Amino acid sequence: MKTSATALLVTASAVATGAQQAPQDLLADLHHLARPVLIFGSAGDARVNEQYSALKDHAAESNDRQMHVILLCDTPLPQFQDGGAKPEMSVATLAEQQALRKRFHVAPEAFAVILVGKDGGEKLRSDRPVTWERLQSTIDAMPMRQQEMRSKPQ
C-alpha cells in the first residue's frame, strides 16, 4: 500500500510538472526548426490584423525563411481561417498566452510583435506592426539564415 501511495504521488507530481511546462512547449517544439513571430493583442485590435496581413501577403517568403506565426489573441479570429496562401501558423491557448506574456514581459491586452530566432533568443520587438521589409532584413542578417542561403541549391 505504501509503495502504491508513493507511486501515485510521484505520478501526480510528474503530471503537475508536465502541466506547468506545457505552455512552453509551443516554442520548444519550434526550437532550431523555425523563427517564431509572436503577435500579441486582443481580437478587436486592428494592429493584429495589420501584422497578420503583412505576413500573409508574403506567405511564400515567410515560409522560405522558416517563420512560424503564433497568434496570442483573447479570441479566435475568423479571418485567419480563410483560404489562400498563409505563413505557418499556430493559435496559442489561453495557458500558452499567459506563459508567453510572462516570459516576454508583455502586459495583458498589450499589443506586441516579437521575432524569436531559431536559437530561441528574442531578435526583434515592437509595440507597432512591423513591416515585411523590416522582418525580412532582420532575418536575412541572422548568421543561421546567411548559412541557409549559402547552402541552398540555385
N, C-alpha and C. Protein backbone atom coordinates (compact mmCIF):
# COMPACT_ATOMS: atom_id res chain seq x y z
N MET A 1 0.82 -1.19 0.00
CA MET A 1 0.00 0.00 0.00
C MET A 1 0.87 1.25 0.00
N LYS A 2 1.93 1.22 0.83
CA LYS A 2 2.81 2.36 0.93
C LYS A 2 3.49 2.62 -0.42
N THR A 3 3.87 1.55 -1.13
CA THR A 3 4.52 1.68 -2.43
C THR A 3 3.56 2.29 -3.45
N SER A 4 2.28 1.85 -3.44
CA SER A 4 1.35 2.43 -4.41
C SER A 4 1.04 3.88 -4.09
N ALA A 5 1.01 4.26 -2.83
CA ALA A 5 0.80 5.66 -2.48
C ALA A 5 1.97 6.51 -2.96
N THR A 6 3.18 5.99 -2.79
CA THR A 6 4.37 6.70 -3.26
C THR A 6 4.34 6.82 -4.78
N ALA A 7 4.00 5.74 -5.47
CA ALA A 7 3.92 5.76 -6.93
C ALA A 7 2.88 6.76 -7.40
N LEU A 8 1.74 6.80 -6.70
CA LEU A 8 0.68 7.74 -7.04
C LEU A 8 1.16 9.18 -6.85
N LEU A 9 1.87 9.44 -5.77
CA LEU A 9 2.40 10.77 -5.51
C LEU A 9 3.41 11.18 -6.57
N VAL A 10 4.30 10.28 -6.95
CA VAL A 10 5.29 10.56 -7.98
C VAL A 10 4.60 10.83 -9.32
N THR A 11 3.60 10.02 -9.65
CA THR A 11 2.85 10.21 -10.90
C THR A 11 2.13 11.55 -10.89
N ALA A 12 1.48 11.89 -9.78
CA ALA A 12 0.77 13.17 -9.68
C ALA A 12 1.74 14.34 -9.82
N SER A 13 2.92 14.23 -9.22
CA SER A 13 3.92 15.28 -9.34
C SER A 13 4.39 15.43 -10.78
N ALA A 14 4.59 14.32 -11.46
CA ALA A 14 5.03 14.36 -12.86
C ALA A 14 3.96 14.99 -13.74
N VAL A 15 2.69 14.65 -13.49
CA VAL A 15 1.60 15.23 -14.26
C VAL A 15 1.52 16.73 -14.01
N ALA A 16 1.62 17.14 -12.74
CA ALA A 16 1.56 18.56 -12.41
C ALA A 16 2.72 19.32 -13.04
N THR A 17 3.91 18.74 -13.00
CA THR A 17 5.07 19.38 -13.61
C THR A 17 4.87 19.49 -15.10
N GLY A 18 4.36 18.44 -15.73
CA GLY A 18 4.09 18.47 -17.17
C GLY A 18 3.08 19.54 -17.53
N ALA A 19 2.05 19.70 -16.69
CA ALA A 19 1.03 20.71 -16.95
C ALA A 19 1.62 22.10 -16.86
N GLN A 20 2.56 22.31 -15.94
CA GLN A 20 3.19 23.61 -15.81
C GLN A 20 4.11 23.89 -16.99
N GLN A 21 4.73 22.87 -17.55
CA GLN A 21 5.67 23.07 -18.63
C GLN A 21 4.99 23.11 -19.99
N ALA A 22 3.79 22.61 -20.12
CA ALA A 22 3.11 22.51 -21.41
C ALA A 22 3.06 23.83 -22.18
N PRO A 23 2.75 24.98 -21.55
CA PRO A 23 2.71 26.21 -22.32
C PRO A 23 4.04 26.55 -23.00
N GLN A 24 5.16 26.14 -22.42
CA GLN A 24 6.45 26.43 -23.02
C GLN A 24 6.71 25.56 -24.25
N ASP A 25 5.99 24.45 -24.38
CA ASP A 25 6.21 23.52 -25.48
C ASP A 25 5.99 24.15 -26.84
N LEU A 26 5.14 25.17 -26.92
CA LEU A 26 4.86 25.82 -28.19
C LEU A 26 6.15 26.34 -28.83
N LEU A 27 6.98 27.01 -28.05
CA LEU A 27 8.27 27.49 -28.58
C LEU A 27 9.31 26.38 -28.59
N ALA A 28 9.28 25.52 -27.59
CA ALA A 28 10.27 24.43 -27.53
C ALA A 28 10.16 23.53 -28.75
N ASP A 29 8.95 23.30 -29.22
CA ASP A 29 8.75 22.45 -30.40
C ASP A 29 9.32 23.09 -31.66
N LEU A 30 9.47 24.40 -31.66
CA LEU A 30 9.99 25.11 -32.84
C LEU A 30 11.48 25.40 -32.76
N HIS A 31 12.07 25.14 -31.59
CA HIS A 31 13.49 25.46 -31.36
C HIS A 31 14.37 24.80 -32.43
N HIS A 32 15.21 25.60 -33.07
CA HIS A 32 16.12 25.19 -34.14
C HIS A 32 15.41 24.78 -35.43
N LEU A 33 14.09 24.86 -35.48
CA LEU A 33 13.34 24.47 -36.68
C LEU A 33 12.69 25.66 -37.38
N ALA A 34 12.30 26.66 -36.60
CA ALA A 34 11.56 27.79 -37.17
C ALA A 34 11.91 29.07 -36.43
N ARG A 35 11.51 30.18 -37.04
CA ARG A 35 11.68 31.50 -36.44
C ARG A 35 10.28 32.00 -36.06
N PRO A 36 9.89 31.83 -34.81
CA PRO A 36 8.55 32.25 -34.40
C PRO A 36 8.38 33.77 -34.45
N VAL A 37 7.22 34.19 -34.93
CA VAL A 37 6.80 35.59 -34.87
C VAL A 37 5.58 35.60 -33.97
N LEU A 38 5.75 36.16 -32.78
CA LEU A 38 4.67 36.20 -31.80
C LEU A 38 3.88 37.49 -32.00
N ILE A 39 2.58 37.36 -32.19
CA ILE A 39 1.71 38.54 -32.33
C ILE A 39 0.77 38.54 -31.14
N PHE A 40 1.02 39.46 -30.21
CA PHE A 40 0.20 39.61 -29.01
C PHE A 40 -0.84 40.70 -29.26
N GLY A 41 -2.05 40.50 -28.79
CA GLY A 41 -3.06 41.54 -28.90
C GLY A 41 -4.42 40.99 -28.55
N SER A 42 -5.42 41.84 -28.70
CA SER A 42 -6.79 41.39 -28.47
C SER A 42 -7.49 41.30 -29.82
N ALA A 43 -8.55 40.54 -29.86
CA ALA A 43 -9.25 40.27 -31.12
C ALA A 43 -9.72 41.54 -31.81
N GLY A 44 -10.07 42.55 -31.05
CA GLY A 44 -10.56 43.79 -31.65
C GLY A 44 -9.47 44.75 -32.08
N ASP A 45 -8.23 44.41 -31.87
CA ASP A 45 -7.11 45.31 -32.17
C ASP A 45 -6.76 45.21 -33.65
N ALA A 46 -6.94 46.31 -34.37
CA ALA A 46 -6.66 46.34 -35.81
C ALA A 46 -5.20 46.05 -36.12
N ARG A 47 -4.31 46.30 -35.16
CA ARG A 47 -2.88 46.05 -35.39
C ARG A 47 -2.59 44.55 -35.55
N VAL A 48 -3.37 43.70 -34.88
CA VAL A 48 -3.21 42.24 -35.04
C VAL A 48 -3.50 41.87 -36.49
N ASN A 49 -4.61 42.39 -37.02
CA ASN A 49 -4.98 42.12 -38.41
C ASN A 49 -3.93 42.67 -39.37
N GLU A 50 -3.46 43.88 -39.10
CA GLU A 50 -2.46 44.51 -39.96
C GLU A 50 -1.17 43.68 -40.00
N GLN A 51 -0.73 43.21 -38.84
CA GLN A 51 0.51 42.43 -38.79
C GLN A 51 0.33 41.10 -39.51
N TYR A 52 -0.78 40.43 -39.24
CA TYR A 52 -1.01 39.14 -39.89
C TYR A 52 -1.11 39.32 -41.41
N SER A 53 -1.79 40.37 -41.86
CA SER A 53 -1.92 40.62 -43.29
C SER A 53 -0.57 40.84 -43.95
N ALA A 54 0.31 41.56 -43.27
CA ALA A 54 1.66 41.79 -43.83
C ALA A 54 2.39 40.48 -44.03
N LEU A 55 2.23 39.56 -43.11
CA LEU A 55 2.87 38.25 -43.23
C LEU A 55 2.17 37.38 -44.27
N LYS A 56 0.85 37.44 -44.29
CA LYS A 56 0.10 36.64 -45.26
C LYS A 56 0.40 37.08 -46.69
N ASP A 57 0.57 38.39 -46.88
CA ASP A 57 0.89 38.91 -48.21
C ASP A 57 2.24 38.40 -48.72
N HIS A 58 3.06 37.92 -47.80
CA HIS A 58 4.39 37.40 -48.15
C HIS A 58 4.54 35.97 -47.63
N ALA A 59 3.48 35.17 -47.80
CA ALA A 59 3.46 33.81 -47.25
C ALA A 59 4.61 32.96 -47.78
N ALA A 60 4.86 33.00 -49.08
CA ALA A 60 5.94 32.17 -49.65
C ALA A 60 7.29 32.57 -49.08
N GLU A 61 7.53 33.88 -48.98
CA GLU A 61 8.80 34.36 -48.43
C GLU A 61 8.92 34.03 -46.95
N SER A 62 7.78 34.13 -46.23
CA SER A 62 7.78 33.78 -44.80
C SER A 62 8.13 32.31 -44.62
N ASN A 63 7.52 31.47 -45.43
CA ASN A 63 7.79 30.04 -45.33
C ASN A 63 9.23 29.71 -45.74
N ASP A 64 9.75 30.42 -46.74
CA ASP A 64 11.14 30.21 -47.15
C ASP A 64 12.10 30.55 -46.01
N ARG A 65 11.74 31.54 -45.20
CA ARG A 65 12.57 31.94 -44.06
C ARG A 65 12.23 31.15 -42.81
N GLN A 66 11.40 30.14 -42.96
CA GLN A 66 11.01 29.25 -41.87
C GLN A 66 10.41 30.01 -40.69
N MET A 67 9.58 31.00 -41.01
CA MET A 67 8.88 31.75 -39.99
C MET A 67 7.63 30.97 -39.59
N HIS A 68 7.26 31.08 -38.33
CA HIS A 68 6.06 30.43 -37.82
C HIS A 68 5.32 31.46 -36.97
N VAL A 69 4.18 31.91 -37.44
CA VAL A 69 3.39 32.92 -36.75
C VAL A 69 2.64 32.27 -35.59
N ILE A 70 2.73 32.88 -34.43
CA ILE A 70 1.96 32.42 -33.27
C ILE A 70 1.07 33.57 -32.83
N LEU A 71 -0.24 33.37 -32.96
CA LEU A 71 -1.21 34.39 -32.56
C LEU A 71 -1.54 34.21 -31.09
N LEU A 72 -1.42 35.30 -30.36
CA LEU A 72 -1.73 35.30 -28.93
C LEU A 72 -2.84 36.31 -28.70
N CYS A 73 -4.05 35.94 -29.12
CA CYS A 73 -5.23 36.80 -29.02
C CYS A 73 -6.22 36.19 -28.05
N ASP A 74 -7.05 37.04 -27.47
CA ASP A 74 -8.00 36.55 -26.48
C ASP A 74 -9.13 35.71 -27.08
N THR A 75 -9.46 35.90 -28.35
CA THR A 75 -10.47 35.08 -29.01
C THR A 75 -10.01 34.74 -30.41
N PRO A 76 -10.42 33.60 -30.94
CA PRO A 76 -10.02 33.24 -32.30
C PRO A 76 -10.59 34.23 -33.30
N LEU A 77 -9.85 34.51 -34.32
CA LEU A 77 -10.27 35.46 -35.34
C LEU A 77 -10.59 34.71 -36.63
N PRO A 78 -11.81 34.84 -37.14
CA PRO A 78 -12.20 34.07 -38.32
C PRO A 78 -11.37 34.39 -39.57
N GLN A 79 -10.87 35.61 -39.71
CA GLN A 79 -10.13 35.96 -40.92
C GLN A 79 -8.82 35.19 -41.04
N PHE A 80 -8.35 34.59 -39.96
CA PHE A 80 -7.12 33.81 -40.03
C PHE A 80 -7.39 32.40 -40.54
N GLN A 81 -8.65 32.07 -40.73
CA GLN A 81 -9.01 30.73 -41.22
C GLN A 81 -9.37 30.74 -42.70
N ASP A 82 -9.31 31.91 -43.34
CA ASP A 82 -9.72 31.97 -44.75
C ASP A 82 -8.73 31.24 -45.65
N GLY A 83 -9.10 31.08 -46.90
CA GLY A 83 -8.27 30.34 -47.85
C GLY A 83 -7.07 31.14 -48.31
N GLY A 84 -6.37 30.57 -49.26
CA GLY A 84 -5.21 31.22 -49.83
C GLY A 84 -3.93 30.84 -49.11
N ALA A 85 -2.83 31.32 -49.68
CA ALA A 85 -1.52 31.03 -49.10
C ALA A 85 -1.39 31.71 -47.74
N LYS A 86 -0.80 30.99 -46.80
CA LYS A 86 -0.62 31.53 -45.45
C LYS A 86 0.76 31.14 -44.96
N PRO A 87 1.31 31.97 -44.08
CA PRO A 87 2.53 31.52 -43.41
C PRO A 87 2.17 30.40 -42.43
N GLU A 88 3.17 29.62 -42.02
CA GLU A 88 2.94 28.61 -40.98
C GLU A 88 2.40 29.34 -39.76
N MET A 89 1.41 28.76 -39.09
CA MET A 89 0.76 29.49 -38.01
C MET A 89 0.22 28.56 -36.93
N SER A 90 0.23 29.07 -35.70
CA SER A 90 -0.40 28.42 -34.56
C SER A 90 -1.19 29.48 -33.81
N VAL A 91 -2.25 29.07 -33.17
CA VAL A 91 -3.00 29.95 -32.28
C VAL A 91 -2.78 29.44 -30.87
N ALA A 92 -2.21 30.28 -30.02
CA ALA A 92 -1.87 29.88 -28.66
C ALA A 92 -3.13 29.71 -27.81
N THR A 93 -3.09 28.71 -26.94
CA THR A 93 -4.16 28.52 -25.97
C THR A 93 -4.05 29.63 -24.92
N LEU A 94 -5.05 29.75 -24.09
CA LEU A 94 -5.03 30.76 -23.03
C LEU A 94 -3.83 30.54 -22.10
N ALA A 95 -3.57 29.29 -21.74
CA ALA A 95 -2.43 28.99 -20.86
C ALA A 95 -1.11 29.35 -21.54
N GLU A 96 -1.00 29.06 -22.84
CA GLU A 96 0.22 29.40 -23.58
C GLU A 96 0.38 30.91 -23.68
N GLN A 97 -0.74 31.61 -23.90
CA GLN A 97 -0.69 33.07 -23.97
C GLN A 97 -0.17 33.66 -22.66
N GLN A 98 -0.71 33.18 -21.56
CA GLN A 98 -0.29 33.70 -20.25
C GLN A 98 1.19 33.42 -20.02
N ALA A 99 1.63 32.22 -20.34
CA ALA A 99 3.04 31.86 -20.13
C ALA A 99 3.96 32.70 -21.02
N LEU A 100 3.57 32.89 -22.28
CA LEU A 100 4.42 33.66 -23.19
C LEU A 100 4.39 35.15 -22.87
N ARG A 101 3.25 35.68 -22.43
CA ARG A 101 3.20 37.09 -22.00
C ARG A 101 4.14 37.30 -20.80
N LYS A 102 4.13 36.34 -19.89
CA LYS A 102 5.01 36.44 -18.72
C LYS A 102 6.47 36.33 -19.14
N ARG A 103 6.77 35.34 -19.96
CA ARG A 103 8.16 35.11 -20.39
C ARG A 103 8.74 36.32 -21.13
N PHE A 104 7.92 36.94 -21.99
CA PHE A 104 8.41 38.06 -22.80
C PHE A 104 8.01 39.42 -22.23
N HIS A 105 7.45 39.43 -21.03
CA HIS A 105 7.09 40.67 -20.33
C HIS A 105 6.16 41.56 -21.17
N VAL A 106 5.08 40.96 -21.64
CA VAL A 106 4.07 41.69 -22.40
C VAL A 106 2.82 41.74 -21.53
N ALA A 107 2.38 42.95 -21.21
CA ALA A 107 1.22 43.14 -20.34
C ALA A 107 -0.05 42.57 -20.97
N PRO A 108 -0.99 42.14 -20.13
CA PRO A 108 -2.27 41.67 -20.66
C PRO A 108 -2.91 42.77 -21.52
N GLU A 109 -3.50 42.37 -22.61
CA GLU A 109 -4.17 43.28 -23.56
C GLU A 109 -3.21 44.15 -24.37
N ALA A 110 -1.91 44.13 -24.07
CA ALA A 110 -0.96 44.94 -24.83
C ALA A 110 -0.71 44.31 -26.20
N PHE A 111 -0.42 45.17 -27.17
CA PHE A 111 -0.03 44.69 -28.49
C PHE A 111 1.49 44.65 -28.56
N ALA A 112 2.00 43.58 -29.15
CA ALA A 112 3.44 43.47 -29.37
C ALA A 112 3.69 42.45 -30.47
N VAL A 113 4.77 42.67 -31.19
CA VAL A 113 5.26 41.71 -32.17
C VAL A 113 6.68 41.37 -31.75
N ILE A 114 6.96 40.09 -31.60
CA ILE A 114 8.30 39.65 -31.18
C ILE A 114 8.76 38.57 -32.15
N LEU A 115 9.93 38.80 -32.73
CA LEU A 115 10.57 37.80 -33.59
C LEU A 115 11.56 37.04 -32.73
N VAL A 116 11.44 35.72 -32.75
CA VAL A 116 12.34 34.85 -31.98
C VAL A 116 13.18 34.07 -32.99
N GLY A 117 14.48 34.01 -32.75
CA GLY A 117 15.35 33.27 -33.65
C GLY A 117 15.26 31.78 -33.42
N LYS A 118 15.87 31.04 -34.34
CA LYS A 118 15.88 29.58 -34.19
C LYS A 118 16.60 29.15 -32.92
N ASP A 119 17.48 30.01 -32.41
CA ASP A 119 18.20 29.70 -31.18
C ASP A 119 17.36 29.98 -29.93
N GLY A 120 16.15 30.53 -30.12
CA GLY A 120 15.26 30.81 -29.00
C GLY A 120 15.40 32.21 -28.43
N GLY A 121 16.33 33.00 -28.96
CA GLY A 121 16.54 34.35 -28.47
C GLY A 121 15.65 35.37 -29.16
N GLU A 122 15.29 36.41 -28.42
CA GLU A 122 14.48 37.49 -28.98
C GLU A 122 15.34 38.32 -29.92
N LYS A 123 14.87 38.51 -31.15
CA LYS A 123 15.65 39.22 -32.17
C LYS A 123 15.07 40.58 -32.52
N LEU A 124 13.77 40.75 -32.31
CA LEU A 124 13.10 42.00 -32.67
C LEU A 124 11.84 42.11 -31.83
N ARG A 125 11.57 43.33 -31.36
CA ARG A 125 10.36 43.58 -30.57
C ARG A 125 9.82 44.94 -30.99
N SER A 126 8.50 45.01 -31.13
CA SER A 126 7.86 46.27 -31.48
C SER A 126 6.48 46.33 -30.86
N ASP A 127 6.06 47.54 -30.49
CA ASP A 127 4.70 47.73 -29.99
C ASP A 127 3.78 48.24 -31.10
N ARG A 128 4.30 48.19 -32.34
CA ARG A 128 3.52 48.54 -33.54
C ARG A 128 3.73 47.42 -34.56
N PRO A 129 2.83 47.30 -35.53
CA PRO A 129 3.06 46.30 -36.57
C PRO A 129 4.41 46.54 -37.25
N VAL A 130 5.06 45.45 -37.60
CA VAL A 130 6.39 45.50 -38.21
C VAL A 130 6.22 45.25 -39.71
N THR A 131 6.85 46.08 -40.51
CA THR A 131 6.74 45.90 -41.96
C THR A 131 7.42 44.60 -42.38
N TRP A 132 6.97 44.07 -43.51
CA TRP A 132 7.59 42.87 -44.05
C TRP A 132 9.08 43.13 -44.31
N GLU A 133 9.39 44.29 -44.83
CA GLU A 133 10.78 44.61 -45.17
C GLU A 133 11.68 44.57 -43.94
N ARG A 134 11.17 45.06 -42.82
CA ARG A 134 11.98 45.04 -41.58
C ARG A 134 12.17 43.61 -41.08
N LEU A 135 11.11 42.82 -41.10
CA LEU A 135 11.24 41.41 -40.70
C LEU A 135 12.22 40.68 -41.61
N GLN A 136 12.06 40.89 -42.91
CA GLN A 136 12.92 40.23 -43.90
C GLN A 136 14.39 40.60 -43.69
N SER A 137 14.66 41.88 -43.53
CA SER A 137 16.06 42.30 -43.38
C SER A 137 16.65 41.82 -42.05
N THR A 138 15.84 41.79 -41.01
CA THR A 138 16.32 41.29 -39.71
C THR A 138 16.67 39.81 -39.82
N ILE A 139 15.79 39.04 -40.42
CA ILE A 139 16.05 37.60 -40.56
C ILE A 139 17.22 37.34 -41.50
N ASP A 140 17.25 38.03 -42.63
CA ASP A 140 18.30 37.78 -43.61
C ASP A 140 19.69 38.16 -43.10
N ALA A 141 19.75 38.99 -42.06
CA ALA A 141 21.04 39.35 -41.46
C ALA A 141 21.51 38.34 -40.41
N MET A 142 20.64 37.41 -40.02
CA MET A 142 21.00 36.43 -39.00
C MET A 142 22.01 35.42 -39.55
N PRO A 143 23.00 35.05 -38.74
CA PRO A 143 24.01 34.09 -39.20
C PRO A 143 23.42 32.76 -39.70
N MET A 144 22.42 32.22 -39.00
CA MET A 144 21.83 30.95 -39.45
C MET A 144 21.16 31.12 -40.81
N ARG A 145 20.50 32.24 -41.02
CA ARG A 145 19.84 32.50 -42.31
C ARG A 145 20.89 32.67 -43.40
N GLN A 146 21.98 33.35 -43.09
CA GLN A 146 23.06 33.51 -44.07
C GLN A 146 23.57 32.14 -44.51
N GLN A 147 23.75 31.26 -43.53
CA GLN A 147 24.22 29.90 -43.83
C GLN A 147 23.19 29.15 -44.68
N GLU A 148 21.91 29.31 -44.36
CA GLU A 148 20.86 28.66 -45.14
C GLU A 148 20.88 29.13 -46.59
N MET A 149 21.06 30.44 -46.78
CA MET A 149 21.06 30.99 -48.13
C MET A 149 22.27 30.49 -48.93
N ARG A 150 23.42 30.38 -48.27
CA ARG A 150 24.63 29.89 -48.95
C ARG A 150 24.50 28.42 -49.35
N SER A 151 23.85 27.62 -48.50
CA SER A 151 23.77 26.19 -48.77
C SER A 151 22.56 25.81 -49.63
N LYS A 152 21.70 26.77 -49.94
CA LYS A 152 20.51 26.50 -50.73
C LYS A 152 20.90 26.30 -52.20
N PRO A 153 20.43 25.20 -52.82
CA PRO A 153 20.75 24.98 -54.24
C PRO A 153 20.13 26.07 -55.11
N GLN A 154 20.84 26.46 -56.12
CA GLN A 154 20.37 27.54 -57.01
C GLN A 154 19.39 27.04 -58.01
